[in-house]
Protein backbone atom coordinates (compact mmCIF):
# COMPACT_ATOMS: atom_id res chain seq x y z
CA MET A 1 25.56 -22.94 -4.65
CA ASP A 2 23.35 -22.57 -1.53
CA ARG A 3 20.54 -21.61 -4.12
CA SER A 4 20.98 -25.62 -5.43
CA ILE A 5 20.54 -26.87 -2.22
CA ALA A 6 17.71 -25.52 -1.48
CA LEU A 7 16.45 -26.27 -4.39
CA ARG A 8 16.81 -29.93 -4.17
CA GLY A 9 15.49 -30.56 -0.43
CA LEU A 10 12.33 -28.59 -1.86
CA GLY A 11 12.42 -30.87 -4.90
CA THR A 12 13.11 -33.97 -2.47
CA LEU A 13 10.22 -32.59 0.00
CA VAL A 14 7.72 -32.33 -3.38
CA LEU A 15 8.75 -35.47 -4.05
CA CYS A 16 7.88 -37.42 -0.95
CA VAL A 17 4.68 -35.31 -0.63
CA ALA A 18 3.15 -36.56 -3.79
CA SER A 19 4.33 -40.11 -3.30
CA ALA A 20 2.31 -40.19 -0.52
CA GLY A 21 -0.49 -38.58 -1.37
CA CYS A 22 -0.73 -41.57 -4.11
CA ALA A 23 -0.32 -44.32 -1.57
CA THR A 24 -3.23 -46.74 -1.54
CA VAL A 25 -5.21 -48.01 1.31
CA ALA A 26 -7.92 -50.40 2.00
CA PRO A 27 -11.32 -50.06 0.23
CA VAL A 28 -14.32 -49.06 3.04
CA PRO A 29 -17.27 -51.25 2.62
CA TYR A 30 -19.99 -49.58 1.40
CA SER A 31 -23.05 -48.40 4.00
CA GLU A 32 -25.44 -46.66 2.02
CA MET A 33 -26.96 -49.25 -0.22
CA ALA A 34 -29.53 -51.67 0.50
CA SER A 35 -27.44 -54.14 -1.31
CA SER A 36 -24.23 -53.57 0.48
CA ALA A 37 -25.23 -57.14 2.43
CA TYR A 38 -25.10 -58.67 -0.85
CA MET A 39 -21.98 -57.71 -1.89
CA ALA A 40 -18.60 -59.95 -1.17
CA PRO A 41 -15.17 -58.88 -1.61
CA ASP A 42 -13.72 -59.46 -4.91
CA LYS A 43 -10.98 -62.43 -4.71
CA SER A 44 -10.31 -62.36 -8.34
CA ASP A 45 -9.32 -59.01 -8.82
CA THR A 46 -5.65 -58.46 -8.66
CA SER A 47 -5.58 -54.88 -9.53
CA GLY A 48 -7.80 -53.34 -6.73
CA ARG A 49 -10.10 -51.56 -8.74
CA VAL A 50 -12.95 -53.75 -8.41
CA PRO A 51 -12.75 -54.24 -4.47
CA TYR A 52 -16.74 -55.74 -4.14
CA ARG A 53 -18.53 -58.11 -6.23
CA TYR A 54 -22.16 -58.07 -5.99
CA SER A 55 -23.47 -61.96 -5.68
CA THR A 56 -26.76 -63.15 -5.27
CA PRO A 57 -28.02 -66.51 -6.80
CA VAL A 58 -29.58 -66.32 -9.76
CA ASP A 59 -31.63 -69.33 -11.97
CA TRP A 60 -30.83 -68.43 -15.47
CA ARG A 61 -33.41 -71.11 -16.61
CA SER A 62 -36.32 -68.91 -15.84
CA TYR A 63 -35.30 -66.53 -18.20
CA ASN A 64 -36.94 -67.52 -21.67
CA ALA A 65 -36.42 -64.40 -23.46
CA HIS A 66 -34.04 -61.85 -24.83
CA ILE A 67 -34.75 -57.85 -25.13
CA ILE A 68 -32.57 -56.47 -27.42
CA LYS A 69 -32.98 -52.43 -28.28
């Protein structure tokens, strides 16, 4: 009986440590990239997997050709 109580306590401890290890934290902004100044928080991503998006103004009308490999 004492052994089952000890195993149950050990199982609970392992479960708590495992769940604490999977906890998410807020993403840290990139700092070693030259383009990090152009990155903005991605408010359209609700999953949190893409924390930042690269946004720069582009004039798509200035392109007049396509390259297909």
